[in-house]
C-alpha cells in the first residue's frame, strides 16, 4: 500500500468518525471469516460499518477527525 492509498483510507475513516454517533474499536482475533462476514452483514443491515484496519491508520484517522480533541491513546 503506497502513501496515497494510506492517505485516502485515513481521509475516508476520518469523515466516517466525524459523521458517526459513536465508534467501537474491537480485537477481532479468534473470529473466523464466516462469523466476521455475518457480523459485517448484520451491521450493514443496520446502517453500520465494520472494517479491519492497521492500528496506525486508525490512530491517524482519529487524530485527523478530532484534531482539537487532544491526544488519543
Protein backbone atom coordinates (compact mmCIF):
# COMPACT_ATOMS: atom_id res chain seq x y z
CA UNK A 1 0.00 0.00 0.00
CA UNK A 2 1.55 3.30 -1.06
CA UNK A 3 1.29 6.65 0.71
CA UNK A 4 -1.57 7.90 -1.49
CA UNK A 5 -3.67 4.83 -0.65
CA UNK A 6 -2.97 5.27 3.05
CA UNK A 7 -3.91 8.95 2.90
CA UNK A 8 -7.17 8.07 1.11
CA UNK A 9 -8.06 5.48 3.76
CA UNK A 10 -7.23 7.90 6.58
CA UNK A 11 -9.37 10.61 4.97
CA UNK A 12 -12.35 8.29 4.47
CA UNK A 13 -12.13 6.96 8.02
CA UNK A 14 -11.82 10.49 9.44
CA UNK A 15 -15.02 11.51 7.64
CA UNK A 16 -16.77 8.40 8.96
CA UNK A 17 -15.69 9.26 12.52
CA UNK A 18 -16.98 12.82 12.16
CA UNK A 19 -20.39 11.63 10.96
CA UNK A 20 -20.83 8.65 13.29
CA UNK A 21 -22.71 9.00 16.58
CA UNK A 22 -20.19 6.56 18.10
CA UNK A 23 -17.40 4.19 17.10
CA UNK A 24 -16.15 0.92 18.57
CA UNK A 25 -12.64 -0.50 18.42
CA UNK A 26 -12.53 -4.27 18.88
CA UNK A 27 -9.94 -7.00 18.76
CA UNK A 28 -11.14 -9.42 16.10
CA UNK A 29 -8.55 -12.12 16.74
CA UNK A 30 -10.17 -15.52 17.14
CA UNK A 31 -13.20 -14.68 14.98
CA UNK A 32 -13.28 -16.81 11.87
CA UNK A 33 -14.04 -15.35 8.44
CA UNK A 34 -17.59 -16.73 8.34
CA UNK A 35 -18.53 -15.14 11.68
CA UNK A 36 -16.87 -11.84 10.81
CA UNK A 37 -18.69 -11.76 7.46
CA UNK A 38 -22.00 -12.47 9.20
CA UNK A 39 -21.35 -9.70 11.72
CA UNK A 40 -20.46 -7.30 8.89
CA UNK A 41 -23.72 -8.17 7.04
CA UNK A 42 -25.80 -7.62 10.18
CA UNK A 43 -24.10 -4.30 10.85
CA UNK A 44 -24.62 -3.20 7.24
CA UNK A 45 -28.33 -4.10 7.53
CA UNK A 46 -28.50 -1.67 10.46
CA UNK A 47 -26.64 1.10 8.61
CA UNK A 48 -23.33 0.50 10.39
CA UNK A 49 -19.89 -0.42 9.08
CA UNK A 50 -17.13 -2.80 10.09
CA UNK A 51 -13.59 -2.60 8.78
CA UNK A 52 -10.24 -4.17 9.57
CA UNK A 53 -7.52 -1.51 9.54
CA UNK A 54 -3.97 -1.14 10.76
CA UNK A 55 -3.72 0.45 14.19
CA UNK A 56 -1.50 3.26 12.90
CA UNK A 57 -4.05 4.20 10.23
CA UNK A 58 -6.82 4.15 12.83
CA UNK A 59 -4.91 6.47 15.16
CA UNK A 60 -4.10 8.88 12.31
CA UNK A 61 -7.75 8.92 11.19
CA UNK A 62 -8.97 9.70 14.72
CA UNK A 63 -6.32 12.42 15.04
CA UNK A 64 -7.41 13.92 11.73
CA UNK A 65 -11.12 13.77 12.61
CA UNK A 66 -10.71 15.22 16.08
CA UNK A 67 -7.50 17.24 15.86
CA UNK A 68 -8.71 19.61 18.58
CA UNK A 69 -9.71 16.84 21.00
CA UNK A 70 -6.22 16.18 22.34
CA UNK A 71 -4.12 13.06 22.32
CA UNK A 72 -5.71 9.71 21.51
CA UNK A 73 -4.18 6.59 23.02
